Amino acid sequence: MQALIPFAIVLAPSHFTAAALFAVFTSIVFAITQRSGVREQVRYGFYCFALFIGGVFAAGWLMLLLRR
C-alpha cells in the first residue's frame, strides 16, 4: 500500500538557522512594540537582530573555549 502523499517535506534547521529565525521574528516584534516611527522601527529591528546574532556568536565562542 502506497502512502497518500508520495513525498514529505522535512524541515530540520541547524541550531544557527533556528537562532537566526528566532532573532528575525523577535526583532520584528521588539521593533513594532518599542518604537513608533517606521524609520525608528527599522533601525531598532536591525539593532536587535545584530545583538541577537552577536550573542549567538559570543555564546558559541564561549562554549568552545569552555570545552577545551
Protein backbone atom coordinates (compact mmCIF):
# COMPACT_ATOMS: atom_id res chain seq x y z
CA MET A 1 0.00 0.00 0.00
CA GLN A 2 1.40 3.34 -1.00
CA ALA A 3 1.16 6.42 1.11
CA LEU A 4 -1.35 9.05 0.14
CA ILE A 5 1.41 11.65 -0.11
CA PRO A 6 4.32 10.49 -2.30
CA PHE A 7 6.85 12.76 -0.58
CA ALA A 8 7.22 14.55 2.69
CA ILE A 9 8.83 17.88 3.40
CA VAL A 10 11.07 17.66 6.42
CA LEU A 11 12.40 20.84 7.96
CA ALA A 12 15.45 20.18 10.09
CA PRO A 13 17.20 23.52 10.59
CA SER A 14 20.58 23.74 12.24
CA HIS A 15 20.98 25.43 15.59
CA PHE A 16 22.24 28.58 13.90
CA THR A 17 19.30 28.68 11.49
CA ALA A 18 16.86 28.25 14.36
CA ALA A 19 18.58 31.03 16.32
CA ALA A 20 18.55 33.30 13.25
CA LEU A 21 14.83 32.71 12.68
CA PHE A 22 14.16 33.43 16.34
CA ALA A 23 16.24 36.62 16.06
CA VAL A 24 14.34 37.78 12.96
CA PHE A 25 10.86 37.32 14.40
CA THR A 26 11.76 38.60 17.86
CA SER A 27 13.44 41.67 16.40
CA ILE A 28 10.33 42.42 14.34
CA VAL A 29 8.12 42.19 17.42
CA PHE A 30 10.50 44.30 19.50
CA ALA A 31 10.70 46.96 16.80
CA ILE A 32 6.93 47.19 16.37
CA THR A 33 6.18 47.31 20.08
CA GLN A 34 9.03 49.56 21.24
CA ARG A 35 9.25 52.29 18.57
CA SER A 36 6.56 54.47 16.98
CA GLY A 37 8.04 55.74 13.68
CA VAL A 38 8.71 53.45 10.73
CA ARG A 39 12.32 54.60 10.35
CA GLU A 40 12.92 54.09 14.07
CA GLN A 41 11.30 50.66 13.92
CA VAL A 42 13.55 49.53 11.07
CA ARG A 43 16.70 50.82 12.78
CA TYR A 44 15.75 49.25 16.12
CA GLY A 45 14.84 45.96 14.42
CA PHE A 46 18.24 45.74 12.74
CA TYR A 47 19.91 46.72 16.01
CA CYS A 48 18.12 43.95 17.93
CA PHE A 49 18.87 41.44 15.18
CA ALA A 50 22.57 42.33 15.27
CA LEU A 51 22.63 41.95 19.05
CA PHE A 52 20.92 38.55 18.87
CA ILE A 53 23.30 37.22 16.22
CA GLY A 54 26.29 38.73 18.03
CA GLY A 55 25.12 36.99 21.19
CA VAL A 56 24.89 33.68 19.34
CA PHE A 57 28.46 34.02 18.10
CA ALA A 58 29.71 35.10 21.53
CA ALA A 59 27.97 32.18 23.23
CA GLY A 60 29.38 29.80 20.61
CA TRP A 61 32.94 31.01 21.19
CA LEU A 62 32.46 30.87 24.95
CA MET A 63 31.23 27.28 24.78
CA LEU A 64 34.16 26.38 22.52
CA LEU A 65 36.65 27.86 24.98
CA LEU A 66 34.99 26.22 27.99
CA ARG A 67 35.04 22.84 26.29
CA ARG A 68 38.82 22.82 25.92
